[in-house]
Structure formats: structure tokens, C-alpha cells
C-alpha atoms as a PDB file:
ATOM      1  CA  MET A   1     -42.674 -24.362  19.659  1.00  0.00           C
ATOM      2  CA  ALA A   2     -44.642 -27.327  19.278  1.00  0.00           C
ATOM      3  CA  VAL A   3     -48.315 -27.572  19.509  1.00  0.00           C
ATOM      4  CA  GLN A   4     -50.799 -30.418  18.647  1.00  0.00           C
ATOM      5  CA  GLY A   5     -48.490 -32.005  15.895  1.00  0.00           C
ATOM      6  CA  ARG A   6     -47.256 -28.944  14.668  1.00  0.00           C
ATOM      7  CA  ILE A   7     -43.981 -27.062  14.874  1.00  0.00           C
ATOM      8  CA  GLY A   8     -43.696 -23.492  14.907  1.00  0.00           C
ATOM      9  CA  TYR A   9     -41.257 -20.281  14.726  1.00  0.00           C
ATOM     10  CA  GLY A  10     -41.908 -17.012  15.560  1.00  0.00           C
ATOM     11  CA  GLY A  11     -40.030 -13.860  14.597  1.00  0.00           C
ATOM     12  CA  GLY A  12     -40.543 -10.255  15.374  1.00  0.00           C
ATOM     13  CA  HIS A  13     -39.041  -6.676  15.729  1.00  0.00           C
ATOM     14  CA  ASN A  14     -40.035  -3.524  17.358  1.00  0.00           C
ATOM     15  CA  GLY A  15     -40.287  -1.320  14.199  1.00  0.00           C
ATOM     16  CA  ILE A  16     -43.005   0.766  12.807  1.00  0.00           C
ATOM     17  CA  GLY A  17     -45.590  -1.937  12.948  1.00  0.00           C
ATOM     18  CA  ILE A  18     -48.305  -2.754  10.209  1.00  0.00           C
ATOM     19  CA  ALA A  19     -51.425  -0.728   9.857  1.00  0.00           C
ATOM     20  CA  GLU A  20     -54.671  -2.600   9.788  1.00  0.00           C
ATOM     21  CA  GLU A  21     -55.766  -1.782   6.317  1.00  0.00           C
ATOM     22  CA  VAL A  22     -52.431  -3.111   5.101  1.00  0.00           C
ATOM     23  CA  LYS A  23     -52.511  -6.134   7.433  1.00  0.00           C
ATOM     24  CA  ASP A  24     -55.695  -7.401   5.913  1.00  0.00           C
ATOM     25  CA  LYS A  25     -54.074  -7.759   2.499  1.00  0.00           C
ATOM     26  CA  LEU A  26     -50.488  -8.468   3.478  1.00  0.00           C
ATOM     27  CA  PHE A  27     -50.423 -12.033   1.895  1.00  0.00           C
ATOM     28  CA  GLN A  28     -52.144 -10.970  -1.383  1.00  0.00           C
ATOM     29  CA  PRO A  29     -49.766 -10.809  -4.427  1.00  0.00           C
ATOM     30  CA  PHE A  30     -48.248  -7.323  -5.397  1.00  0.00           C
ATOM     31  CA  ILE A  31     -49.333  -5.511  -2.020  1.00  0.00           C
ATOM     32  CA  THR A  32     -46.138  -3.398  -0.934  1.00  0.00           C
ATOM     33  CA  THR A  33     -45.559  -0.504   1.367  1.00  0.00           C
ATOM     34  CA  LYS A  34     -42.609   0.552  -0.534  1.00  0.00           C
ATOM     35  CA  PRO A  35     -42.249   3.222  -3.102  1.00  0.00           C
ATOM     36  CA  THR A  36     -43.056   2.474  -6.670  1.00  0.00           C
ATOM     37  CA  GLY A  37     -40.200   0.413  -8.307  1.00  0.00           C
ATOM     38  CA  GLU A  38     -38.772  -0.596  -4.918  1.00  0.00           C
ATOM     39  CA  GLY A  39     -40.646  -3.879  -4.339  1.00  0.00           C
ATOM     40  CA  THR A  40     -42.742  -6.435  -6.287  1.00  0.00           C
ATOM     41  CA  GLY A  41     -45.066  -7.302  -3.370  1.00  0.00           C
ATOM     42  CA  LEU A  42     -44.471 -11.093  -3.912  1.00  0.00           C
ATOM     43  CA  GLY A  43     -42.471 -11.883  -1.146  1.00  0.00           C
ATOM     44  CA  LEU A  44     -45.150 -12.692   1.569  1.00  0.00           C
ATOM     45  CA  SER A  45     -47.528 -14.082  -1.062  1.00  0.00           C
ATOM     46  CA  ILE A  46     -45.067 -16.599  -2.083  1.00  0.00           C
ATOM     47  CA  SER A  47     -44.197 -17.374   1.171  1.00  0.00           C
ATOM     48  CA  TYR A  48     -47.720 -17.898   2.270  1.00  0.00           C
ATOM     49  CA  ASP A  49     -48.422 -20.085  -0.771  1.00  0.00           C
ATOM     50  CA  ILE A  50     -45.267 -22.245   0.044  1.00  0.00           C
ATOM     51  CA  VAL A  51     -46.156 -22.822   3.843  1.00  0.00           C
ATOM     52  CA  THR A  52     -49.912 -23.135   3.408  1.00  0.00           C
ATOM     53  CA  GLN A  53     -50.418 -24.991   0.054  1.00  0.00           C
ATOM     54  CA  GLN A  54     -47.202 -26.958  -0.373  1.00  0.00           C
ATOM     55  CA  HIS A  55     -46.358 -27.857   3.386  1.00  0.00           C
ATOM     56  CA  GLY A  56     -50.214 -27.584   4.854  1.00  0.00           C
ATOM     57  CA  GLY A  57     -48.905 -24.944   7.508  1.00  0.00           C
ATOM     58  CA  SER A  58     -49.928 -21.399   8.459  1.00  0.00           C
ATOM     59  CA  ILE A  59     -48.433 -17.976   8.671  1.00  0.00           C
ATOM     60  CA  THR A  60     -49.986 -15.466  10.890  1.00  0.00           C
ATOM     61  CA  VAL A  61     -49.212 -11.827  11.920  1.00  0.00           C
ATOM     62  CA  ASP A  62     -49.654  -9.890  14.861  1.00  0.00           C
ATOM     63  CA  SER A  63     -48.606  -6.192  14.839  1.00  0.00           C
ATOM     64  CA  LYS A  64     -49.356  -2.834  16.602  1.00  0.00           C
ATOM     65  CA  VAL A  65     -48.659   0.449  14.670  1.00  0.00           C
ATOM     66  CA  GLY A  66     -45.664   2.178  16.431  1.00  0.00           C
ATOM     67  CA  GLU A  67     -44.903  -0.809  18.501  1.00  0.00           C
ATOM     68  CA  PHE A  68     -44.183  -4.087  16.831  1.00  0.00           C
ATOM     69  CA  SER A  69     -44.836  -6.880  14.159  1.00  0.00           C
ATOM     70  CA  GLU A  70     -44.500 -10.566  14.862  1.00  0.00           C
ATOM     71  CA  PHE A  71     -44.810 -13.511  12.083  1.00  0.00           C
ATOM     72  CA  THR A  72     -45.583 -16.947  13.270  1.00  0.00           C
ATOM     73  CA  ILE A  73     -45.011 -20.014  10.996  1.00  0.00           C
ATOM     74  CA  ARG A  74     -46.580 -23.319  11.835  1.00  0.00           C
ATOM     75  CA  LEU A  75     -45.741 -26.613   9.991  1.00  0.00           C
ATOM     76  CA  PRO A  76     -47.275 -30.098  10.372  1.00  0.00           C
ATOM     77  CA  ARG A  77     -44.895 -32.369  12.071  1.00  0.00           C
ATOM     78  CA  LYS A  78     -43.906 -35.507  10.183  1.00  0.00           C
ATOM     79  CA  PRO A  79     -43.493 -38.587  12.145  1.00  0.00           C
END
């Protein structure tokens, strides 16, 4: 999808969704919903920094508990 000089990609699934209290912290380092020892909580934080800081883009998430989660990445278009 292209919008005002940006190109985007959205991906989602119909899984368990993301609770609002987790969604607010989702891109912070060391946030994980996995049991202790099964995740570092760095994946989305690192992805967020790469997309926003290194490429000037954005990552957003839309989710409803029990229904779906959808992540959208938008990057500036280079002429």
C-alpha cells in the first residue's frame, strides 16, 4: 500500500489478540508475554528502532482480544 510518499505492509492473524495493557508497552525493551526464560522481549523493540530510527518509518498495531492482531509497517519512499 502506498500513501503520500510512503509504502506500507500490513500483516495479521486471527489469534488471541493483544490486551490493551500490553499493547501500550509492546515496543518497549524486555516486554514479553511468554513465560520466564522463553523470550527476551527484544524482538519488537529492535524492529521498532530499525523502522523508526534508521528508516524514518512507523510501526502500528491494531488488535482486539480474542479476535485478531494486525501490524502495519510504513516506510518513506525513496525517489
